[in-house]
N, C-alpha and C. Protein backbone atom coordinates (compact mmCIF):
# COMPACT_ATOMS: atom_id res chain seq x y z
N MET A 1 1.05 -1.33 0.05
CA MET A 1 0.08 -0.01 0.00
C MET A 1 0.88 1.15 0.13
N LYS A 2 2.17 1.18 0.52
CA LYS A 2 2.91 1.95 0.67
C LYS A 2 3.39 2.59 -0.47
N LYS A 3 3.76 1.63 -1.32
CA LYS A 3 4.46 2.07 -2.70
C LYS A 3 3.26 2.34 -3.55
N VAL A 4 2.06 1.86 -3.69
CA VAL A 4 1.06 2.77 -4.07
C VAL A 4 0.65 4.01 -4.13
N MET A 5 0.67 4.62 -2.52
CA MET A 5 0.83 5.84 -2.27
C MET A 5 1.91 6.67 -2.77
N TRP A 6 3.13 6.31 -2.76
CA TRP A 6 4.28 7.08 -3.20
C TRP A 6 4.07 7.07 -4.67
N SER A 7 3.67 6.05 -5.37
CA SER A 7 3.47 5.74 -7.01
C SER A 7 2.81 6.93 -7.62
N LEU A 8 1.55 7.22 -6.54
CA LEU A 8 0.37 8.05 -6.94
C LEU A 8 1.29 9.04 -7.11
N VAL A 9 1.79 9.50 -5.83
CA VAL A 9 2.41 11.00 -5.85
C VAL A 9 3.20 11.42 -6.92
N VAL A 10 4.17 10.49 -7.23
CA VAL A 10 5.12 10.57 -8.39
C VAL A 10 4.49 11.03 -9.45
N ILE A 11 3.58 10.04 -9.84
CA ILE A 11 2.39 10.24 -11.39
C ILE A 11 2.08 11.58 -11.09
N LEU A 12 1.01 11.85 -10.16
CA LEU A 12 0.73 13.13 -10.08
C LEU A 12 1.27 14.30 -10.29
N CYS A 13 2.88 14.23 -9.64
CA CYS A 13 3.51 15.45 -9.67
C CYS A 13 4.27 15.43 -11.33
N ILE A 14 4.93 14.39 -11.97
CA ILE A 14 5.11 14.22 -13.36
C ILE A 14 4.12 14.60 -14.36
N ALA A 15 3.09 14.28 -13.94
CA ALA A 15 2.18 14.27 -14.91
C ALA A 15 1.68 16.11 -15.23
N THR A 16 1.56 16.66 -13.97
CA THR A 16 1.57 18.00 -14.05
C THR A 16 2.66 18.93 -14.09
N ALA A 17 3.48 18.53 -14.02
CA ALA A 17 4.90 19.34 -14.34
C ALA A 17 4.98 20.46 -15.36
N PRO A 18 4.44 19.87 -16.69
CA PRO A 18 4.57 21.08 -17.73
C PRO A 18 3.52 22.16 -17.24
N LEU A 19 2.72 21.84 -16.58
CA LEU A 19 1.26 22.81 -16.32
C LEU A 19 1.91 23.80 -15.09
N VAL A 20 2.99 23.45 -14.63
CA VAL A 20 3.16 24.28 -13.29
C VAL A 20 3.53 25.33 -13.57
N ALA A 21 3.07 26.64 -13.15
CA ALA A 21 3.46 27.77 -13.06
C ALA A 21 3.43 28.60 -11.75
N GLN A 22 3.15 27.71 -10.93
CA GLN A 22 2.87 28.48 -9.46
C GLN A 22 3.46 26.95 -8.83
N PHE A 23 4.32 27.37 -7.47
CA PHE A 23 4.48 26.70 -6.49
C PHE A 23 4.66 26.92 -5.27
N GLN A 24 3.71 26.52 -4.09
CA GLN A 24 3.39 26.97 -2.68
C GLN A 24 4.02 26.49 -1.90
N ILE A 25 3.94 26.69 -0.96
CA ILE A 25 4.64 25.93 0.26
C ILE A 25 3.47 26.19 1.73
N ASN A 26 2.72 25.47 2.04
CA ASN A 26 1.74 25.76 3.16
C ASN A 26 2.18 24.70 4.50
N PRO A 27 2.90 25.28 5.29
CA PRO A 27 2.83 25.00 6.85
C PRO A 27 1.75 25.18 7.46
N GLN A 28 1.11 24.02 8.22
CA GLN A 28 -0.35 24.20 8.75
C GLN A 28 -0.36 23.46 10.23
N ILE A 29 -0.83 23.89 11.00
CA ILE A 29 -1.31 23.38 12.35
C ILE A 29 -3.14 23.27 12.27
N GLY A 30 -3.62 22.47 13.16
CA GLY A 30 -4.96 22.06 13.53
C GLY A 30 -5.60 21.43 14.26
N VAL A 31 -6.74 21.16 14.30
CA VAL A 31 -7.34 20.22 15.23
C VAL A 31 -8.12 19.23 14.28
N ASN A 32 -8.22 17.67 14.97
CA ASN A 32 -9.10 16.71 14.07
C ASN A 32 -10.08 16.04 14.97
N TYR A 33 -11.20 15.57 14.75
CA TYR A 33 -12.30 15.06 15.54
C TYR A 33 -12.38 13.62 14.65
N THR A 34 -12.01 12.82 15.35
CA THR A 34 -12.03 11.24 14.89
C THR A 34 -12.75 10.28 15.55
N ASP A 35 -13.79 9.63 14.80
CA ASP A 35 -14.84 8.31 15.52
C ASP A 35 -14.63 7.36 14.57
N VAL A 36 -15.24 6.37 15.22
CA VAL A 36 -15.18 5.02 14.66
C VAL A 36 -17.14 4.32 14.91
N ASP A 37 -17.42 3.70 14.27
CA ASP A 37 -18.74 3.45 14.52
C ASP A 37 -18.50 1.91 14.74
N VAL A 38 -18.99 1.24 16.18
CA VAL A 38 -18.75 -0.09 16.21
C VAL A 38 -20.07 -0.81 16.73
N GLU A 39 -20.13 -2.14 16.04
CA GLU A 39 -21.45 -2.56 16.51
C GLU A 39 -21.03 -4.12 17.31
N LEU A 40 -21.75 -4.46 18.13
CA LEU A 40 -21.61 -5.78 19.01
C LEU A 40 -20.70 -7.13 18.14
N SER A 41 -19.94 -7.56 18.84
CA SER A 41 -19.16 -8.81 18.31
C SER A 41 -18.73 -9.44 19.50
N ASP A 42 -17.54 -9.97 19.16
CA ASP A 42 -16.71 -10.97 19.87
C ASP A 42 -16.34 -10.87 21.21
N ILE A 43 -16.40 -9.61 21.70
CA ILE A 43 -15.97 -9.07 23.00
C ILE A 43 -16.82 -9.07 24.14
N GLY A 44 -18.30 -9.40 23.16
CA GLY A 44 -19.15 -9.19 24.33
C GLY A 44 -19.95 -8.10 24.91
N VAL A 45 -19.40 -6.88 24.59
CA VAL A 45 -20.23 -5.59 24.96
C VAL A 45 -20.32 -5.00 23.41
N ASN A 46 -21.13 -3.86 23.85
CA ASN A 46 -21.48 -3.11 22.69
C ASN A 46 -21.24 -1.48 22.95
N PRO A 47 -19.83 -1.26 22.72
CA PRO A 47 -19.09 -0.06 22.94
C PRO A 47 -19.89 1.19 22.28
N LYS A 48 -20.21 2.45 22.93
CA LYS A 48 -20.35 3.45 22.35
C LYS A 48 -19.28 4.49 22.17
N THR A 49 -19.00 5.01 21.08
CA THR A 49 -17.70 5.83 20.82
C THR A 49 -18.17 7.32 20.59
N HIS A 50 -17.05 8.02 21.10
CA HIS A 50 -17.04 9.46 20.92
C HIS A 50 -16.02 10.19 20.58
N SER A 51 -15.99 11.04 19.62
CA SER A 51 -14.60 11.64 18.95
C SER A 51 -14.48 12.80 20.13
N LYS A 52 -12.86 12.88 20.23
CA LYS A 52 -12.31 14.00 20.95
C LYS A 52 -11.40 14.67 20.41
N ALA A 53 -11.20 15.93 20.57
CA ALA A 53 -10.17 16.72 19.71
C ALA A 53 -8.72 16.35 19.95
N GLY A 54 -8.25 15.99 18.53
CA GLY A 54 -6.97 15.78 18.65
C GLY A 54 -6.22 16.78 17.77
N VAL A 55 -4.91 16.43 17.50
CA VAL A 55 -4.00 17.72 17.00
C VAL A 55 -3.54 16.76 15.50
N LEU A 56 -3.26 17.84 14.45
CA LEU A 56 -2.19 17.84 13.19
C LEU A 56 -1.30 18.86 12.84
N ALA A 57 -0.35 18.48 12.24
CA ALA A 57 0.76 19.71 12.09
C ALA A 57 1.51 19.06 10.94
N GLY A 58 1.78 19.89 9.88
CA GLY A 58 2.58 19.52 8.78
C GLY A 58 2.66 20.27 7.40
N VAL A 59 2.87 20.06 6.52
CA VAL A 59 2.93 20.84 5.34
C VAL A 59 2.63 20.26 4.24
N ASP A 60 1.70 21.04 3.26
CA ASP A 60 1.52 20.34 1.83
C ASP A 60 2.06 21.32 0.82
N LEU A 61 2.14 21.20 -0.46
CA LEU A 61 2.72 21.86 -1.64
C LEU A 61 1.29 22.08 -2.41
N ARG A 62 1.43 23.08 -3.04
CA ARG A 62 0.59 23.37 -4.31
C ARG A 62 1.12 23.55 -5.59
N LEU A 63 0.76 22.48 -6.41
CA LEU A 63 1.93 22.35 -7.77
C LEU A 63 1.03 22.85 -8.95
N GLY A 64 0.75 23.96 -9.28
CA GLY A 64 0.05 24.27 -10.53
C GLY A 64 -0.96 25.62 -10.50
N THR A 65 -1.70 26.08 -11.24
CA THR A 65 -2.44 27.45 -11.34
C THR A 65 -4.09 27.34 -10.92
N LYS A 66 -4.89 27.06 -11.82
CA LYS A 66 -6.15 27.00 -11.38
C LYS A 66 -6.51 25.54 -10.88
N VAL A 67 -6.04 24.57 -11.50
CA VAL A 67 -6.07 23.39 -11.32
C VAL A 67 -4.58 22.82 -10.50
N TYR A 68 -4.55 22.22 -9.49
CA TYR A 68 -3.18 22.01 -8.90
C TYR A 68 -3.09 20.94 -8.25
N VAL A 69 -1.96 20.14 -7.77
CA VAL A 69 -1.87 19.27 -7.22
C VAL A 69 -1.42 19.34 -5.75
N GLN A 70 -1.59 18.73 -5.00
CA GLN A 70 -1.49 18.83 -3.34
C GLN A 70 -1.13 17.79 -2.57
N PRO A 71 0.30 17.64 -2.73
CA PRO A 71 0.58 16.58 -1.97
C PRO A 71 1.13 16.99 -0.64
N GLY A 72 1.07 16.31 0.56
CA GLY A 72 1.20 16.95 1.84
C GLY A 72 1.68 15.61 2.81
N LEU A 73 2.40 15.85 3.55
CA LEU A 73 2.84 15.20 5.06
C LEU A 73 2.56 15.99 6.12
N PHE A 74 1.61 14.82 7.34
CA PHE A 74 1.45 15.61 8.37
C PHE A 74 1.27 14.65 9.82
N VAL A 75 1.75 15.02 10.78
CA VAL A 75 1.96 14.22 12.06
C VAL A 75 0.80 14.23 12.61
N ILE A 76 -0.26 13.36 13.10
CA ILE A 76 -1.50 13.27 13.90
C ILE A 76 -1.14 12.75 14.97
N GLY A 77 -2.50 13.13 15.97
CA GLY A 77 -2.72 12.81 17.16
C GLY A 77 -4.13 12.81 17.18
N SER A 78 -4.95 11.67 17.13
CA SER A 78 -6.18 11.54 17.19
C SER A 78 -6.91 10.71 18.23
N LYS A 79 -7.99 11.48 18.90
CA LYS A 79 -8.55 10.68 20.13
C LYS A 79 -9.71 10.17 19.95
N ILE A 80 -10.44 8.90 20.46
CA ILE A 80 -11.41 8.35 20.69
C ILE A 80 -11.72 7.88 21.92
N GLY A 81 -12.96 8.31 22.37
CA GLY A 81 -13.53 7.58 23.62
C GLY A 81 -14.37 6.40 23.40
N TYR A 82 -14.11 5.47 24.05
CA TYR A 82 -15.08 4.32 23.89
C TYR A 82 -15.35 4.07 25.21
N ASN A 83 -16.91 3.90 25.36
CA ASN A 83 -17.56 3.65 26.60
C ASN A 83 -18.41 2.24 26.68
N PHE A 84 -17.50 1.45 27.61
CA PHE A 84 -18.11 0.08 27.77
C PHE A 84 -19.01 0.05 28.72
N GLY A 85 -20.11 0.57 28.79
CA GLY A 85 -21.29 0.49 29.75
C GLY A 85 -20.67 1.49 30.88
N THR A 86 -20.26 0.88 32.23
CA THR A 86 -20.03 1.85 33.24
C THR A 86 -18.51 2.35 32.61
N ASP A 87 -17.80 1.72 32.10
CA ASP A 87 -16.28 2.24 31.77
C ASP A 87 -16.15 2.71 30.39
N GLU A 88 -15.17 3.92 30.52
CA GLU A 88 -14.72 4.65 29.29
C GLU A 88 -13.31 4.63 29.31
N TYR A 89 -12.81 4.50 27.99
CA TYR A 89 -11.05 4.51 27.83
C TYR A 89 -11.17 5.70 27.02
N GLU A 90 -10.09 6.39 26.88
CA GLU A 90 -9.80 7.01 25.64
C GLU A 90 -8.34 6.56 24.83
N ILE A 91 -8.48 6.52 23.86
CA ILE A 91 -7.46 5.68 22.85
C ILE A 91 -6.98 6.79 22.04
N THR A 92 -5.59 7.04 22.12
CA THR A 92 -4.88 8.16 21.43
C THR A 92 -4.15 7.47 20.49
N ARG A 93 -4.23 7.96 18.90
CA ARG A 93 -3.29 7.15 17.92
C ARG A 93 -2.61 8.05 17.44
N TYR A 94 -1.06 8.27 17.63
CA TYR A 94 -0.26 9.06 16.90
C TYR A 94 0.12 8.28 15.48
N GLY A 95 0.30 9.13 14.45
CA GLY A 95 0.75 8.69 13.05
C GLY A 95 0.79 9.79 12.28
N ALA A 96 1.38 9.42 11.16
CA ALA A 96 1.64 10.29 10.00
C ALA A 96 0.59 10.00 8.69
N LYS A 97 0.25 11.20 8.03
CA LYS A 97 -0.71 11.28 7.27
C LYS A 97 0.06 11.92 5.80
N LEU A 98 -0.30 10.89 4.64
CA LEU A 98 0.74 11.29 3.62
C LEU A 98 -0.78 11.32 2.40
N LYS A 99 -0.47 12.85 1.86
CA LYS A 99 -1.63 13.06 1.10
C LYS A 99 -1.14 13.10 -0.33
N ALA A 100 -2.30 12.84 -1.34
CA ALA A 100 -2.36 13.27 -2.67
C ALA A 100 -3.48 13.91 -3.32
N LEU A 101 -3.54 14.92 -2.86
CA LEU A 101 -4.71 15.65 -3.16
C LEU A 101 -4.79 16.24 -4.91
N LEU A 102 -5.82 16.50 -5.31
CA LEU A 102 -6.16 17.16 -6.85
C LEU A 102 -6.73 18.40 -6.27
N GLY A 103 -6.70 19.48 -6.45
CA GLY A 103 -7.58 20.75 -6.25
C GLY A 103 -7.87 21.67 -7.38
N LEU A 104 -8.77 22.44 -6.99
CA LEU A 104 -9.30 23.41 -8.02
C LEU A 104 -9.59 24.70 -7.27
N LYS A 105 -8.81 25.80 -8.13
CA LYS A 105 -9.40 27.29 -7.58
C LYS A 105 -10.64 27.84 -8.17
N LEU A 106 -11.50 27.82 -7.28
CA LEU A 106 -12.85 28.31 -7.64
C LEU A 106 -12.83 29.77 -7.83
N ILE A 107 -12.30 30.58 -7.11
CA ILE A 107 -12.04 31.86 -7.05
C ILE A 107 -10.74 32.06 -6.74
N ASP A 108 -9.95 32.84 -7.85
CA ASP A 108 -8.45 33.28 -7.61
C ASP A 108 -8.10 34.55 -8.05
N SER A 109 -7.67 35.23 -6.80
CA SER A 109 -7.79 36.57 -6.71
C SER A 109 -6.83 36.94 -5.34
N ALA A 110 -7.26 38.11 -4.80
CA ALA A 110 -6.48 38.28 -3.53
C ALA A 110 -7.27 37.32 -2.38
N PHE A 111 -8.41 37.12 -2.60
CA PHE A 111 -9.36 35.79 -1.83
C PHE A 111 -9.18 34.92 -2.75
N ARG A 112 -8.82 33.53 -2.30
CA ARG A 112 -8.86 32.14 -3.15
C ARG A 112 -10.12 31.51 -2.43
N LEU A 113 -10.90 30.69 -3.18
CA LEU A 113 -11.55 29.40 -2.80
C LEU A 113 -11.32 28.33 -3.59
N ARG A 114 -10.97 27.23 -2.54
CA ARG A 114 -10.56 26.26 -2.90
C ARG A 114 -11.20 24.96 -2.89
N VAL A 115 -11.15 23.96 -3.82
CA VAL A 115 -11.63 22.52 -3.48
C VAL A 115 -10.81 21.71 -3.69
N MET A 116 -10.69 20.70 -2.94
CA MET A 116 -9.78 19.52 -3.32
C MET A 116 -10.17 18.15 -2.79
N GLY A 117 -9.39 17.25 -3.32
CA GLY A 117 -9.91 16.01 -3.03
C GLY A 117 -8.89 14.79 -3.52
N GLY A 118 -8.83 13.44 -2.64
CA GLY A 118 -8.11 12.41 -3.56
C GLY A 118 -7.60 11.55 -2.12
N PRO A 119 -6.83 10.76 -2.51
CA PRO A 119 -6.28 9.64 -1.78
C PRO A 119 -5.38 10.09 -0.99
N SER A 120 -5.42 9.52 0.49
CA SER A 120 -4.42 9.61 1.59
C SER A 120 -4.15 8.45 2.55
N TYR A 121 -3.11 8.35 3.10
CA TYR A 121 -2.48 7.03 3.77
C TYR A 121 -2.20 7.66 5.08
N ASP A 122 -3.07 6.55 6.04
CA ASP A 122 -2.47 6.95 7.47
C ASP A 122 -1.34 6.00 8.01
N PHE A 123 0.07 6.49 8.49
CA PHE A 123 1.05 5.20 9.06
C PHE A 123 0.58 5.24 10.67
N GLN A 124 0.11 4.03 11.47
CA GLN A 124 -0.02 4.35 12.52
C GLN A 124 1.71 4.32 13.38
N LEU A 125 1.86 5.36 14.20
CA LEU A 125 3.49 5.42 14.67
C LEU A 125 3.10 4.81 16.24
N GLY A 126 2.04 4.80 16.76
CA GLY A 126 1.71 4.53 18.50
C GLY A 126 0.29 4.69 18.56
N LEU A 127 -0.09 4.27 19.89
CA LEU A 127 -1.27 3.70 20.17
C LEU A 127 -1.14 3.95 21.98
N ASN A 128 -1.69 4.75 22.50
CA ASN A 128 -1.88 5.25 23.83
C ASN A 128 -3.48 4.37 24.10
N GLY A 129 -3.40 3.25 24.95
CA GLY A 129 -4.90 2.87 25.02
C GLY A 129 -5.50 2.91 26.19
N ASP A 130 -4.84 3.68 27.19
CA ASP A 130 -5.62 3.84 28.58
C ASP A 130 -5.36 2.58 29.57
N ASP A 131 -4.89 1.33 29.00
CA ASP A 131 -4.63 0.05 29.48
C ASP A 131 -6.03 -0.50 29.55
N ASN A 132 -7.00 -0.45 28.70
CA ASN A 132 -8.37 -0.77 28.84
C ASN A 132 -8.42 -2.41 28.36
N PRO A 133 -9.19 -2.95 28.89
CA PRO A 133 -9.22 -4.48 28.94
C PRO A 133 -9.55 -5.34 27.76
N TYR A 134 -10.30 -4.38 26.77
CA TYR A 134 -11.08 -4.92 25.53
C TYR A 134 -9.82 -5.43 24.40
N PHE A 135 -9.03 -4.29 24.20
CA PHE A 135 -8.32 -4.19 22.90
C PHE A 135 -7.16 -3.27 23.40
N ASP A 136 -6.05 -3.74 22.60
CA ASP A 136 -4.42 -3.30 22.83
C ASP A 136 -4.18 -2.99 21.52
N LYS A 137 -3.29 -2.10 21.24
CA LYS A 137 -2.48 -1.61 20.14
C LYS A 137 -2.41 -2.48 19.03
N GLU A 138 -2.05 -3.81 19.51
CA GLU A 138 -1.57 -4.99 18.18
C GLU A 138 -3.16 -5.38 17.44
N ASP A 139 -4.28 -4.84 18.01
CA ASP A 139 -5.34 -5.20 17.36
C ASP A 139 -5.71 -4.13 16.68
N PHE A 140 -4.91 -3.03 16.22
CA PHE A 140 -5.64 -1.94 15.30
C PHE A 140 -4.54 -2.20 14.31
N LYS A 141 -5.08 -1.77 13.00
CA LYS A 141 -4.41 -1.83 11.54
C LYS A 141 -3.12 -0.68 11.57
N LYS A 142 -1.85 -1.09 11.24
CA LYS A 142 -0.67 -0.01 11.28
C LYS A 142 -0.86 0.91 10.20
N GLY A 143 -1.67 0.47 9.14
CA GLY A 143 -1.94 1.58 7.88
C GLY A 143 -3.05 1.86 7.62
N ILE A 144 -3.66 2.71 7.44
CA ILE A 144 -5.12 2.97 7.00
C ILE A 144 -4.98 3.84 5.52
N PHE A 145 -6.01 3.49 4.39
CA PHE A 145 -5.98 3.90 3.39
C PHE A 145 -7.11 4.53 3.47
N ASN A 146 -7.20 6.20 2.88
CA ASN A 146 -8.29 7.03 2.82
C ASN A 146 -8.82 7.76 2.01
N ILE A 147 -9.92 8.46 1.57
CA ILE A 147 -10.29 9.37 0.55
C ILE A 147 -10.47 10.52 1.23
N ASP A 148 -9.96 11.68 0.86
CA ASP A 148 -10.08 13.22 1.56
C ASP A 148 -10.76 13.86 0.76
N ALA A 149 -11.43 15.09 1.23
CA ALA A 149 -12.19 15.58 0.51
C ALA A 149 -11.89 17.14 1.31
N GLY A 150 -12.16 18.02 0.76
CA GLY A 150 -12.34 19.74 1.52
C GLY A 150 -12.27 20.70 0.96
N VAL A 151 -12.24 21.88 1.69
CA VAL A 151 -12.50 23.34 0.94
C VAL A 151 -11.27 23.97 1.71
N GLY A 152 -10.71 24.79 0.75
CA GLY A 152 -10.09 25.94 1.61
C GLY A 152 -10.11 27.38 1.14
N ILE A 153 -9.80 28.48 2.02
CA ILE A 153 -9.68 29.78 1.73
C ILE A 153 -8.21 30.22 1.72
N ASP A 154 -7.95 31.10 0.94
CA ASP A 154 -6.46 31.92 1.21
C ASP A 154 -6.79 33.42 0.84
N VAL A 155 -6.15 34.13 2.12
CA VAL A 155 -6.39 35.56 2.29
C VAL A 155 -5.18 36.39 2.25
N LEU A 156 -4.68 36.64 1.51
CA LEU A 156 -3.01 37.28 1.44
C LEU A 156 -2.14 35.89 1.48
N PHE A 157 -1.38 35.89 2.57
CA PHE A 157 -0.61 35.11 2.94
C PHE A 157 -1.29 34.00 3.97
N LEU A 158 -2.42 33.97 4.45
CA LEU A 158 -3.06 33.34 5.50
C LEU A 158 -3.76 32.32 4.45
N THR A 159 -3.89 30.93 5.34
CA THR A 159 -4.79 29.67 4.49
C THR A 159 -5.47 29.18 5.49
N ALA A 160 -6.73 28.53 5.41
CA ALA A 160 -7.49 27.83 6.13
C ALA A 160 -8.10 26.66 5.17
N GLU A 161 -8.18 25.61 6.10
CA GLU A 161 -8.97 24.28 5.05
C GLU A 161 -9.66 23.67 6.32
N LEU A 162 -10.91 23.12 5.86
CA LEU A 162 -11.53 22.22 6.22
C LEU A 162 -11.97 21.02 5.62
N GLY A 163 -11.60 19.68 6.02
CA GLY A 163 -11.71 18.57 5.37
C GLY A 163 -12.22 17.48 6.07
N TYR A 164 -12.44 16.53 5.16
CA TYR A 164 -13.23 15.34 5.55
C TYR A 164 -12.48 14.02 5.33
N SER A 165 -12.16 13.23 6.00
CA SER A 165 -11.14 11.73 5.62
C SER A 165 -12.10 10.37 5.88
N TRP A 166 -12.30 9.91 5.16
CA TRP A 166 -13.17 8.63 5.32
C TRP A 166 -12.12 7.39 5.03
N ALA A 167 -12.31 6.35 5.91
CA ALA A 167 -11.20 5.16 5.67
C ALA A 167 -11.68 4.25 4.80
N PHE A 168 -11.07 3.62 3.89
CA PHE A 168 -11.30 2.54 3.11
C PHE A 168 -11.02 1.29 3.83
N THR A 169 -9.90 0.93 4.56
CA THR A 169 -9.40 -0.07 5.40
C THR A 169 -10.02 0.18 6.88
N GLU A 170 -10.25 -1.15 6.94
CA GLU A 170 -11.01 -1.65 8.33
C GLU A 170 -9.90 -1.06 9.75
N THR A 171 -10.70 -0.73 10.77
CA THR A 171 -9.69 -0.17 11.49
C THR A 171 -8.93 -1.06 12.45
N PHE A 172 -9.66 -2.37 12.60
CA PHE A 172 -9.53 -3.44 13.43
C PHE A 172 -8.73 -4.55 12.99
N ASP A 173 -7.43 -5.18 12.99
CA ASP A 173 -6.92 -6.20 12.21
C ASP A 173 -8.12 -7.59 12.32
N GLU A 174 -8.37 -7.56 13.93
CA GLU A 174 -9.52 -8.78 14.34
C GLU A 174 -10.56 -8.25 13.89
N ASN A 175 -11.38 -9.21 13.90
CA ASN A 175 -13.25 -8.98 13.44
C ASN A 175 -13.79 -8.98 14.57
N PHE A 176 -13.36 -8.10 15.45
CA PHE A 176 -14.19 -7.99 17.13
C PHE A 176 -15.46 -7.21 16.90
N PHE A 177 -15.78 -6.70 15.85
CA PHE A 177 -17.21 -5.97 15.65
C PHE A 177 -18.15 -6.63 14.23
N ASP A 178 -19.45 -6.55 14.29
CA ASP A 178 -20.05 -6.99 13.49
C ASP A 178 -19.87 -6.28 12.09
N ASN A 179 -19.82 -4.74 12.20
CA ASN A 179 -20.04 -3.95 10.91
C ASN A 179 -18.45 -3.46 10.36
N LYS A 180 -17.71 -4.13 10.65
CA LYS A 180 -16.10 -3.98 9.89
C LYS A 180 -16.15 -2.32 10.04
N PRO A 181 -15.82 -1.63 11.24
CA PRO A 181 -15.50 -0.28 11.50
C PRO A 181 -14.34 0.49 10.89
N ARG A 182 -14.65 1.62 10.35
CA ARG A 182 -13.69 2.49 9.66
C ARG A 182 -13.56 3.68 10.29
N TYR A 183 -12.49 4.33 10.40
CA TYR A 183 -12.50 5.52 10.77
C TYR A 183 -12.86 6.83 10.06
N GLU A 184 -13.65 7.71 10.35
CA GLU A 184 -13.86 9.08 10.12
C GLU A 184 -13.63 9.98 10.62
N SER A 185 -13.03 10.89 10.09
CA SER A 185 -12.46 12.46 10.51
C SER A 185 -12.66 13.49 9.80
N ILE A 186 -12.93 14.43 10.31
CA ILE A 186 -13.10 16.12 10.18
C ILE A 186 -11.88 16.80 10.78
N TYR A 187 -11.25 17.81 9.92
CA TYR A 187 -10.00 18.43 10.52
C TYR A 187 -10.49 19.68 10.10
N PHE A 188 -9.54 20.61 10.61
CA PHE A 188 -9.34 22.18 10.12
C PHE A 188 -8.04 22.54 10.78
N THR A 189 -7.74 23.27 9.58
CA THR A 189 -5.99 23.71 9.62
C THR A 189 -6.13 25.38 9.37
N VAL A 190 -5.16 25.95 9.92
CA VAL A 190 -4.78 27.19 9.62
C VAL A 190 -3.20 27.15 9.20
N GLY A 191 -2.78 28.01 8.52
CA GLY A 191 -1.17 28.04 8.26
C GLY A 191 -1.03 29.18 6.86
N ILE A 192 0.11 29.00 6.67
CA ILE A 192 0.53 30.49 5.65
C ILE A 192 0.87 29.60 4.49
N VAL A 193 0.61 30.77 3.39
CA VAL A 193 1.13 30.53 2.12
C VAL A 193 2.41 31.07 1.69
N LEU A 194 3.51 30.17 1.44
CA LEU A 194 4.99 30.59 0.84
C LEU A 194 5.10 30.29 -0.70
N GLY A 195 5.24 31.18 -1.17
CA GLY A 195 5.48 31.24 -2.60
C GLY A 195 4.12 31.94 -3.53
N GLU A 196 4.36 31.70 -4.84
CA GLU A 196 3.50 32.60 -5.70
C GLU A 196 2.47 31.84 -5.87
């Protein structure tokens, strides 16, 4: 899967290289809210989940003018609360997100309005599970393939993006739950635009 993501990034960059009249670097920080919908299975309880505020920081590039390629790399800390009846546990997942998005500038002036979408891949780098008795870090997938979509605005050298990420890859390595749960995330970032 890693080779597929890197290949896609390289192909997108090479394919659009002749069209690139603009190159921008966008360092960003922000928050994310991640959740996963689970239904009863082998562990014997039906937990309820709720998202908690997590963080992300990273950088992406914009290569192109009206239509542009937006590869990026972010570090992420996402949190989900799992409520098992009277017990509640918070699981924090640390990782890196590699994005390969395609964007379109709907308004391109001093104020820019952009939309973007494409694949991303999350690498799990660590997991803090509050020592819950139901599952541990080995039960979670180490890599998650997603589809991301978002909208962004730029004003002068400032930028902001609101995005949504939906996982194609199941969350758990084992079949703990009947519905094959997948992560869903909403994220908001702010940053600066460097370049033309």
